[in-house]
PDB file of N, CA and C in Angstrom:
ATOM      1  N   MET A   1      12.657 -38.623  21.882  1.00  0.00           N
ATOM      2  CA  MET A   1      12.694 -38.299  20.473  1.00  0.00           C
ATOM      3  C   MET A   1      12.814 -39.586  19.671  1.00  0.00           C
ATOM      4  N   PHE A   2      11.938 -39.811  18.734  1.00  0.00           N
ATOM      5  CA  PHE A   2      11.908 -40.983  17.860  1.00  0.00           C
ATOM      6  C   PHE A   2      11.681 -42.274  18.637  1.00  0.00           C
ATOM      7  N   GLY A   3      11.318 -42.197  19.901  1.00  0.00           N
ATOM      8  CA  GLY A   3      11.032 -43.393  20.674  1.00  0.00           C
ATOM      9  C   GLY A   3      12.265 -44.190  21.064  1.00  0.00           C
ATOM     10  N   ASN A   4      13.433 -43.605  20.945  1.00  0.00           N
ATOM     11  CA  ASN A   4      14.667 -44.298  21.299  1.00  0.00           C
ATOM     12  C   ASN A   4      15.123 -43.853  22.680  1.00  0.00           C
ATOM     13  N   GLY A   5      15.706 -44.775  23.413  1.00  0.00           N
ATOM     14  CA  GLY A   5      16.214 -44.465  24.734  1.00  0.00           C
ATOM     15  C   GLY A   5      17.647 -43.971  24.675  1.00  0.00           C
ATOM     16  N   MET A   6      18.160 -43.661  25.837  1.00  0.00           N
ATOM     17  CA  MET A   6      19.512 -43.132  25.932  1.00  0.00           C
ATOM     18  C   MET A   6      20.545 -44.153  25.461  1.00  0.00           C
ATOM     19  N   THR A   7      20.318 -45.423  25.746  1.00  0.00           N
ATOM     20  CA  THR A   7      21.301 -46.436  25.348  1.00  0.00           C
ATOM     21  C   THR A   7      21.388 -46.557  23.826  1.00  0.00           C
ATOM     22  N   GLU A   8      20.253 -46.433  23.144  1.00  0.00           N
ATOM     23  CA  GLU A   8      20.276 -46.504  21.683  1.00  0.00           C
ATOM     24  C   GLU A   8      21.060 -45.338  21.100  1.00  0.00           C
ATOM     25  N   TRP A   9      20.846 -44.127  21.643  1.00  0.00           N
ATOM     26  CA  TRP A   9      21.573 -42.961  21.141  1.00  0.00           C
ATOM     27  C   TRP A   9      23.062 -43.078  21.441  1.00  0.00           C
ATOM     28  N   LEU A  10      23.392 -43.619  22.589  1.00  0.00           N
ATOM     29  CA  LEU A  10      24.802 -43.819  22.933  1.00  0.00           C
ATOM     30  C   LEU A  10      25.456 -44.808  21.969  1.00  0.00           C
ATOM     31  N   LEU A  11      24.736 -45.858  21.625  1.00  0.00           N
ATOM     32  CA  LEU A  11      25.250 -46.840  20.669  1.00  0.00           C
ATOM     33  C   LEU A  11      25.457 -46.202  19.296  1.00  0.00           C
ATOM     34  N   VAL A  12      24.502 -45.389  18.865  1.00  0.00           N
ATOM     35  CA  VAL A  12      24.633 -44.696  17.579  1.00  0.00           C
ATOM     36  C   VAL A  12      25.847 -43.768  17.605  1.00  0.00           C
ATOM     37  N   LEU A  13      26.040 -43.069  18.709  1.00  0.00           N
ATOM     38  CA  LEU A  13      27.180 -42.165  18.836  1.00  0.00           C
ATOM     39  C   LEU A  13      28.508 -42.923  18.777  1.00  0.00           C
ATOM     40  N   VAL A  14      28.596 -44.037  19.484  1.00  0.00           N
ATOM     41  CA  VAL A  14      29.824 -44.835  19.479  1.00  0.00           C
ATOM     42  C   VAL A  14      30.085 -45.396  18.087  1.00  0.00           C
ATOM     43  N   MET A  15      29.044 -45.887  17.414  1.00  0.00           N
ATOM     44  CA  MET A  15      29.219 -46.418  16.058  1.00  0.00           C
ATOM     45  C   MET A  15      29.659 -45.309  15.101  1.00  0.00           C
ATOM     46  N   GLY A  16      29.053 -44.135  15.252  1.00  0.00           N
ATOM     47  CA  GLY A  16      29.451 -43.005  14.415  1.00  0.00           C
ATOM     48  C   GLY A  16      30.898 -42.613  14.653  1.00  0.00           C
ATOM     49  N   LEU A  17      31.294 -42.653  15.893  1.00  0.00           N
ATOM     50  CA  LEU A  17      32.677 -42.322  16.232  1.00  0.00           C
ATOM     51  C   LEU A  17      33.647 -43.328  15.618  1.00  0.00           C
ATOM     52  N   LEU A  18      33.265 -44.608  15.653  1.00  0.00           N
ATOM     53  CA  LEU A  18      34.121 -45.644  15.068  1.00  0.00           C
ATOM     54  C   LEU A  18      34.178 -45.539  13.544  1.00  0.00           C
ATOM     55  N   VAL A  19      33.048 -45.272  12.926  1.00  0.00           N
ATOM     56  CA  VAL A  19      32.989 -45.247  11.466  1.00  0.00           C
ATOM     57  C   VAL A  19      33.583 -43.954  10.906  1.00  0.00           C
ATOM     58  N   LEU A  20      33.176 -42.811  11.471  1.00  0.00           N
ATOM     59  CA  LEU A  20      33.588 -41.525  10.914  1.00  0.00           C
ATOM     60  C   LEU A  20      34.864 -40.977  11.525  1.00  0.00           C
ATOM     61  N   GLY A  21      35.134 -41.327  12.737  1.00  0.00           N
ATOM     62  CA  GLY A  21      36.312 -40.791  13.409  1.00  0.00           C
ATOM     63  C   GLY A  21      35.983 -39.498  14.131  1.00  0.00           C
ATOM     64  N   PRO A  22      36.820 -39.112  15.070  1.00  0.00           N
ATOM     65  CA  PRO A  22      36.534 -37.926  15.874  1.00  0.00           C
ATOM     66  C   PRO A  22      36.635 -36.611  15.098  1.00  0.00           C
ATOM     67  N   GLU A  23      37.293 -36.605  13.938  1.00  0.00           N
ATOM     68  CA  GLU A  23      37.422 -35.374  13.169  1.00  0.00           C
ATOM     69  C   GLU A  23      36.142 -35.033  12.406  1.00  0.00           C
ATOM     70  N   ARG A  24      35.550 -36.042  11.767  1.00  0.00           N
ATOM     71  CA  ARG A  24      34.385 -35.792  10.908  1.00  0.00           C
ATOM     72  C   ARG A  24      33.057 -35.899  11.636  1.00  0.00           C
ATOM     73  N   LEU A  25      32.991 -36.562  12.772  1.00  0.00           N
ATOM     74  CA  LEU A  25      31.722 -36.787  13.464  1.00  0.00           C
ATOM     75  C   LEU A  25      31.002 -35.481  13.817  1.00  0.00           C
ATOM     76  N   PRO A  26      31.647 -34.481  14.402  1.00  0.00           N
ATOM     77  CA  PRO A  26      30.911 -33.248  14.730  1.00  0.00           C
ATOM     78  C   PRO A  26      30.296 -32.566  13.502  1.00  0.00           C
ATOM     79  N   ALA A  27      31.012 -32.558  12.395  1.00  0.00           N
ATOM     80  CA  ALA A  27      30.480 -31.934  11.178  1.00  0.00           C
ATOM     81  C   ALA A  27      29.274 -32.703  10.654  1.00  0.00           C
ATOM     82  N   VAL A  28      29.350 -34.017  10.703  1.00  0.00           N
ATOM     83  CA  VAL A  28      28.226 -34.842  10.226  1.00  0.00           C
ATOM     84  C   VAL A  28      27.010 -34.656  11.123  1.00  0.00           C
ATOM     85  N   VAL A  29      27.216 -34.609  12.426  1.00  0.00           N
ATOM     86  CA  VAL A  29      26.099 -34.414  13.364  1.00  0.00           C
ATOM     87  C   VAL A  29      25.479 -33.040  13.146  1.00  0.00           C
ATOM     88  N   ARG A  30      26.317 -32.017  12.930  1.00  0.00           N
ATOM     89  CA  ARG A  30      25.814 -30.674  12.661  1.00  0.00           C
ATOM     90  C   ARG A  30      24.979 -30.661  11.380  1.00  0.00           C
ATOM     91  N   SER A  31      25.460 -31.301  10.342  1.00  0.00           N
ATOM     92  CA  SER A  31      24.729 -31.358   9.067  1.00  0.00           C
ATOM     93  C   SER A  31      23.410 -32.102   9.236  1.00  0.00           C
ATOM     94  N   ALA A  32      23.429 -33.188   9.986  1.00  0.00           N
ATOM     95  CA  ALA A  32      22.198 -33.942  10.224  1.00  0.00           C
ATOM     96  C   ALA A  32      21.197 -33.095  11.004  1.00  0.00           C
ATOM     97  N   GLY A  33      21.671 -32.327  11.972  1.00  0.00           N
ATOM     98  CA  GLY A  33      20.790 -31.444  12.728  1.00  0.00           C
ATOM     99  C   GLY A  33      20.155 -30.381  11.857  1.00  0.00           C
ATOM    100  N   ARG A  34      20.956 -29.802  10.964  1.00  0.00           N
ATOM    101  CA  ARG A  34      20.409 -28.806  10.038  1.00  0.00           C
ATOM    102  C   ARG A  34      19.361 -29.427   9.123  1.00  0.00           C
ATOM    103  N   LEU A  35      19.651 -30.624   8.638  1.00  0.00           N
ATOM    104  CA  LEU A  35      18.714 -31.324   7.761  1.00  0.00           C
ATOM    105  C   LEU A  35      17.400 -31.608   8.485  1.00  0.00           C
ATOM    106  N   MET A  36      17.493 -32.049   9.736  1.00  0.00           N
ATOM    107  CA  MET A  36      16.281 -32.305  10.523  1.00  0.00           C
ATOM    108  C   MET A  36      15.492 -31.014  10.748  1.00  0.00           C
ATOM    109  N   GLY A  37      16.206 -29.906  11.005  1.00  0.00           N
ATOM    110  CA  GLY A  37      15.538 -28.618  11.181  1.00  0.00           C
ATOM    111  C   GLY A  37      14.802 -28.191   9.923  1.00  0.00           C
ATOM    112  N   ARG A  38      15.439 -28.363   8.782  1.00  0.00           N
ATOM    113  CA  ARG A  38      14.776 -28.029   7.511  1.00  0.00           C
ATOM    114  C   ARG A  38      13.561 -28.906   7.279  1.00  0.00           C
ATOM    115  N   ALA A  39      13.696 -30.198   7.564  1.00  0.00           N
ATOM    116  CA  ALA A  39      12.572 -31.121   7.362  1.00  0.00           C
ATOM    117  C   ALA A  39      11.393 -30.743   8.266  1.00  0.00           C
ATOM    118  N   LYS A  40      11.686 -30.400   9.516  1.00  0.00           N
ATOM    119  CA  LYS A  40      10.609 -29.983  10.422  1.00  0.00           C
ATOM    120  C   LYS A  40       9.944 -28.707   9.924  1.00  0.00           C
ATOM    121  N   GLY A  41      10.754 -27.769   9.435  1.00  0.00           N
ATOM    122  CA  GLY A  41      10.206 -26.529   8.903  1.00  0.00           C
ATOM    123  C   GLY A  41       9.313 -26.767   7.693  1.00  0.00           C
ATOM    124  N   MET A  42       9.754 -27.652   6.810  1.00  0.00           N
ATOM    125  CA  MET A  42       8.953 -27.976   5.624  1.00  0.00           C
ATOM    126  C   MET A  42       7.650 -28.654   6.017  1.00  0.00           C
ATOM    127  N   LEU A  43       7.716 -29.554   6.992  1.00  0.00           N
ATOM    128  CA  LEU A  43       6.513 -30.233   7.453  1.00  0.00           C
ATOM    129  C   LEU A  43       5.533 -29.238   8.069  1.00  0.00           C
ATOM    130  N   ALA A  44       6.030 -28.317   8.861  1.00  0.00           N
ATOM    131  CA  ALA A  44       5.167 -27.302   9.460  1.00  0.00           C
ATOM    132  C   ALA A  44       4.520 -26.437   8.382  1.00  0.00           C
ATOM    133  N   GLN A  45       5.278 -26.112   7.349  1.00  0.00           N
ATOM    134  CA  GLN A  45       4.739 -25.304   6.260  1.00  0.00           C
ATOM    135  C   GLN A  45       3.641 -26.058   5.510  1.00  0.00           C
ATOM    136  N   VAL A  46       3.853 -27.333   5.249  1.00  0.00           N
ATOM    137  CA  VAL A  46       2.839 -28.137   4.563  1.00  0.00           C
ATOM    138  C   VAL A  46       1.577 -28.233   5.418  1.00  0.00           C
ATOM    139  N   GLN A  47       1.737 -28.431   6.722  1.00  0.00           N
ATOM    140  CA  GLN A  47       0.577 -28.499   7.608  1.00  0.00           C
ATOM    141  C   GLN A  47      -0.195 -27.190   7.597  1.00  0.00           C
ATOM    142  N   GLN A  48       0.506 -26.062   7.622  1.00  0.00           N
ATOM    143  CA  GLN A  48      -0.159 -24.765   7.587  1.00  0.00           C
ATOM    144  C   GLN A  48      -0.907 -24.572   6.277  1.00  0.00           C
ATOM    145  N   GLU A  49      -0.306 -24.969   5.171  1.00  0.00           N
ATOM    146  CA  GLU A  49      -0.975 -24.833   3.879  1.00  0.00           C
ATOM    147  C   GLU A  49      -2.210 -25.711   3.799  1.00  0.00           C
ATOM    148  N   LEU A  50      -2.121 -26.926   4.330  1.00  0.00           N
ATOM    149  CA  LEU A  50      -3.295 -27.802   4.327  1.00  0.00           C
ATOM    150  C   LEU A  50      -4.408 -27.237   5.186  1.00  0.00           C
ATOM    151  N   GLU A  51      -4.055 -26.741   6.365  1.00  0.00           N
ATOM    152  CA  GLU A  51      -5.066 -26.166   7.240  1.00  0.00           C
ATOM    153  C   GLU A  51      -5.706 -24.935   6.609  1.00  0.00           C
ATOM    154  N   ALA A  52      -4.923 -24.155   5.877  1.00  0.00           N
ATOM    155  CA  ALA A  52      -5.453 -22.957   5.231  1.00  0.00           C
ATOM    156  C   ALA A  52      -6.335 -23.316   4.034  1.00  0.00           C
ATOM    157  N   SER A  53      -6.006 -24.401   3.336  1.00  0.00           N
ATOM    158  CA  SER A  53      -6.765 -24.748   2.131  1.00  0.00           C
ATOM    159  C   SER A  53      -8.042 -25.523   2.437  1.00  0.00           C
ATOM    160  N   LEU A  54      -8.082 -26.228   3.543  1.00  0.00           N
ATOM    161  CA  LEU A  54      -9.284 -26.976   3.889  1.00  0.00           C
ATOM    162  C   LEU A  54     -10.220 -26.115   4.718  1.00  0.00           C
ATOM    163  N   PRO A  55     -11.475 -26.042   4.336  1.00  0.00           N
ATOM    164  CA  PRO A  55     -12.430 -25.308   5.166  1.00  0.00           C
ATOM    165  C   PRO A  55     -12.541 -25.949   6.545  1.00  0.00           C
ATOM    166  N   ALA A  56     -12.694 -25.123   7.550  1.00  0.00           N
ATOM    167  CA  ALA A  56     -12.715 -25.595   8.943  1.00  0.00           C
ATOM    168  C   ALA A  56     -13.878 -26.558   9.194  1.00  0.00           C
ATOM    169  N   ASP A  57     -15.043 -26.299   8.587  1.00  0.00           N
ATOM    170  CA  ASP A  57     -16.188 -27.175   8.829  1.00  0.00           C
ATOM    171  C   ASP A  57     -15.966 -28.565   8.234  1.00  0.00           C
ATOM    172  N   GLU A  58     -15.329 -28.647   7.067  1.00  0.00           N
ATOM    173  CA  GLU A  58     -15.039 -29.955   6.479  1.00  0.00           C
ATOM    174  C   GLU A  58     -13.999 -30.702   7.299  1.00  0.00           C
ATOM    175  N   LEU A  59     -13.012 -29.976   7.786  1.00  0.00           N
ATOM    176  CA  LEU A  59     -11.987 -30.591   8.621  1.00  0.00           C
ATOM    177  C   LEU A  59     -12.586 -31.122   9.919  1.00  0.00           C
ATOM    178  N   LYS A  60     -13.480 -30.352  10.532  1.00  0.00           N
ATOM    179  CA  LYS A  60     -14.135 -30.792  11.762  1.00  0.00           C
ATOM    180  C   LYS A  60     -15.021 -32.003  11.490  1.00  0.00           C
ATOM    181  N   GLN A  61     -15.741 -31.999  10.373  1.00  0.00           N
ATOM    182  CA  GLN A  61     -16.593 -33.132  10.035  1.00  0.00           C
ATOM    183  C   GLN A  61     -15.751 -34.388   9.810  1.00  0.00           C
ATOM    184  N   ALA A  62     -14.641 -34.268   9.122  1.00  0.00           N
ATOM    185  CA  ALA A  62     -13.768 -35.418   8.901  1.00  0.00           C
ATOM    186  C   ALA A  62     -13.203 -35.923  10.227  1.00  0.00           C
ATOM    187  N   SER A  63     -12.830 -35.000  11.097  1.00  0.00           N
ATOM    188  CA  SER A  63     -12.317 -35.378  12.414  1.00  0.00           C
ATOM    189  C   SER A  63     -13.390 -36.087  13.230  1.00  0.00           C
ATOM    190  N   ASP A  64     -14.604 -35.579  13.181  1.00  0.00           N
ATOM    191  CA  ASP A  64     -15.708 -36.219  13.904  1.00  0.00           C
ATOM    192  C   ASP A  64     -15.995 -37.614  13.359  1.00  0.00           C
ATOM    193  N   ASN A  65     -15.906 -37.777  12.038  1.00  0.00           N
ATOM    194  CA  ASN A  65     -16.120 -39.094  11.436  1.00  0.00           C
ATOM    195  C   ASN A  65     -15.061 -40.090  11.889  1.00  0.00           C
ATOM    196  N   VAL A  66     -13.817 -39.638  11.946  1.00  0.00           N
ATOM    197  CA  VAL A  66     -12.739 -40.517  12.396  1.00  0.00           C
ATOM    198  C   VAL A  66     -12.955 -40.919  13.849  1.00  0.00           C
ATOM    199  N   LYS A  67     -13.323 -39.956  14.693  1.00  0.00           N
ATOM    200  CA  LYS A  67     -13.581 -40.258  16.105  1.00  0.00           C
ATOM    201  C   LYS A  67     -14.729 -41.247  16.247  1.00  0.00           C
ATOM    202  N   MET A  68     -15.788 -41.062  15.449  1.00  0.00           N
ATOM    203  CA  MET A  68     -16.932 -41.965  15.509  1.00  0.00           C
ATOM    204  C   MET A  68     -16.517 -43.380  15.109  1.00  0.00           C
ATOM    205  N   LEU A  69     -15.705 -43.495  14.054  1.00  0.00           N
ATOM    206  CA  LEU A  69     -15.263 -44.813  13.607  1.00  0.00           C
ATOM    207  C   LEU A  69     -14.350 -45.479  14.630  1.00  0.00           C
ATOM    208  N   ARG A  70     -13.543 -44.697  15.324  1.00  0.00           N
ATOM    209  CA  ARG A  70     -12.677 -45.271  16.356  1.00  0.00           C
ATOM    210  C   ARG A  70     -13.496 -45.837  17.507  1.00  0.00           C
ATOM    211  N   ASN A  71     -14.581 -45.160  17.833  1.00  0.00           N
ATOM    212  CA  ASN A  71     -15.392 -45.574  18.973  1.00  0.00           C
ATOM    213  C   ASN A  71     -16.452 -46.612  18.615  1.00  0.00           C
ATOM    214  N   SER A  72     -16.657 -46.863  17.344  1.00  0.00           N
ATOM    215  CA  SER A  72     -17.716 -47.786  16.953  1.00  0.00           C
ATOM    216  C   SER A  72     -17.131 -49.101  16.453  1.00  0.00           C
ATOM    217  N   ASN A  73     -18.006 -50.060  16.340  1.00  0.00           N
ATOM    218  CA  ASN A  73     -17.634 -51.342  15.771  1.00  0.00           C
ATOM    219  C   ASN A  73     -18.027 -51.285  14.301  1.00  0.00           C
ATOM    220  N   VAL A  74     -17.061 -51.135  13.433  1.00  0.00           N
ATOM    221  CA  VAL A  74     -17.314 -50.926  12.012  1.00  0.00           C
ATOM    222  C   VAL A  74     -18.044 -52.123  11.409  1.00  0.00           C
ATOM    223  N   LYS A  75     -17.701 -53.316  11.849  1.00  0.00           N
ATOM    224  CA  LYS A  75     -18.342 -54.511  11.308  1.00  0.00           C
ATOM    225  C   LYS A  75     -19.839 -54.484  11.600  1.00  0.00           C
ATOM    226  N   LYS A  76     -20.210 -54.143  12.831  1.00  0.00           N
ATOM    227  CA  LYS A  76     -21.633 -54.051  13.179  1.00  0.00           C
ATOM    228  C   LYS A  76     -22.321 -52.958  12.386  1.00  0.00           C
ATOM    229  N   LEU A  77     -21.637 -51.825  12.221  1.00  0.00           N
ATOM    230  CA  LEU A  77     -22.198 -50.703  11.498  1.00  0.00           C
ATOM    231  C   LEU A  77     -22.472 -51.071  10.043  1.00  0.00           C
ATOM    232  N   VAL A  78     -21.541 -51.737   9.393  1.00  0.00           N
ATOM    233  CA  VAL A  78     -21.726 -52.151   7.999  1.00  0.00           C
ATOM    234  C   VAL A  78     -22.846 -53.171   7.901  1.00  0.00           C
ATOM    235  N   ARG A  79     -22.859 -54.113   8.823  1.00  0.00           N
ATOM    236  CA  ARG A  79     -23.905 -55.130   8.820  1.00  0.00           C
ATOM    237  C   ARG A  79     -25.286 -54.480   8.974  1.00  0.00           C
ATOM    238  N   ARG A  80     -25.406 -53.511   9.877  1.00  0.00           N
ATOM    239  CA  ARG A  80     -26.691 -52.840  10.101  1.00  0.00           C
ATOM    240  C   ARG A  80     -27.116 -52.077   8.854  1.00  0.00           C
ATOM    241  N   VAL A  81     -26.182 -51.400   8.178  1.00  0.00           N
ATOM    242  CA  VAL A  81     -26.515 -50.657   6.965  1.00  0.00           C
ATOM    243  C   VAL A  81     -26.977 -51.609   5.873  1.00  0.00           C
ATOM    244  N   VAL A  82     -26.292 -52.738   5.730  1.00  0.00           N
ATOM    245  CA  VAL A  82     -26.668 -53.709   4.705  1.00  0.00           C
ATOM    246  C   VAL A  82     -28.034 -54.309   5.007  1.00  0.00           C
ATOM    247  N   VAL A  83     -28.280 -54.673   6.260  1.00  0.00           N
ATOM    248  CA  VAL A  83     -29.583 -55.242   6.642  1.00  0.00           C
ATOM    249  C   VAL A  83     -30.688 -54.221   6.415  1.00  0.00           C
ATOM    250  N   ASP A  84     -30.453 -52.970   6.780  1.00  0.00           N
ATOM    251  CA  ASP A  84     -31.458 -51.929   6.551  1.00  0.00           C
ATOM    252  C   ASP A  84     -31.746 -51.762   5.062  1.00  0.00           C
ATOM    253  N   GLU A  85     -30.721 -51.838   4.237  1.00  0.00           N
ATOM    254  CA  GLU A  85     -30.900 -51.695   2.795  1.00  0.00           C
ATOM    255  C   GLU A  85     -31.686 -52.872   2.223  1.00  0.00           C
ATOM    256  N   VAL A  86     -31.370 -54.085   2.679  1.00  0.00           N
ATOM    257  CA  VAL A  86     -32.095 -55.271   2.207  1.00  0.00           C
ATOM    258  C   VAL A  86     -33.549 -55.202   2.632  1.00  0.00           C
ATOM    259  N   GLU A  87     -33.798 -54.825   3.875  1.00  0.00           N
ATOM    260  CA  GLU A  87     -35.180 -54.713   4.355  1.00  0.00           C
ATOM    261  C   GLU A  87     -35.932 -53.636   3.602  1.00  0.00           C
ATOM    262  N   ARG A  88     -35.287 -52.549   3.272  1.00  0.00           N
ATOM    263  CA  ARG A  88     -35.952 -51.474   2.525  1.00  0.00           C
ATOM    264  C   ARG A  88     -36.339 -51.943   1.124  1.00  0.00           C
ATOM    265  N   LYS A  89     -35.455 -52.739   0.501  1.00  0.00           N
ATOM    266  CA  LYS A  89     -35.767 -53.248  -0.839  1.00  0.00           C
ATOM    267  C   LYS A  89     -36.869 -54.290  -0.805  1.00  0.00           C
ATOM    268  N   GLN A  90     -36.922 -55.093   0.270  1.00  0.00           N
ATOM    269  CA  GLN A  90     -37.945 -56.140   0.372  1.00  0.00           C
ATOM    270  C   GLN A  90     -39.281 -55.562   0.793  1.00  0.00           C
ATOM    271  N   GLY A  91     -39.267 -54.562   1.599  1.00  0.00           N
ATOM    272  CA  GLY A  91     -40.498 -54.046   2.204  1.00  0.00           C
ATOM    273  C   GLY A  91     -41.033 -52.914   1.459  1.00  0.00           C
TER     274      GLY A  91
END
């Protein structure tokens, strides 16, 4: 979760224990967990609304364009388009 290892979480727990004390730490952790749950729920809702509002064909086309750009050399592609445009204007 979040790309952190067990040692990082243990360090955070020890620091929290030192700063907040054993009385307040469980309540703070519980509140943070609830906040994270709400944030995840809101994010899921936004994703669902975006998926519902975007037509599937446009979403697939955008996804295909991104995949094509990842697999291609953008510099070569731009250069080829520019050269083709210059040749079309000259010829």
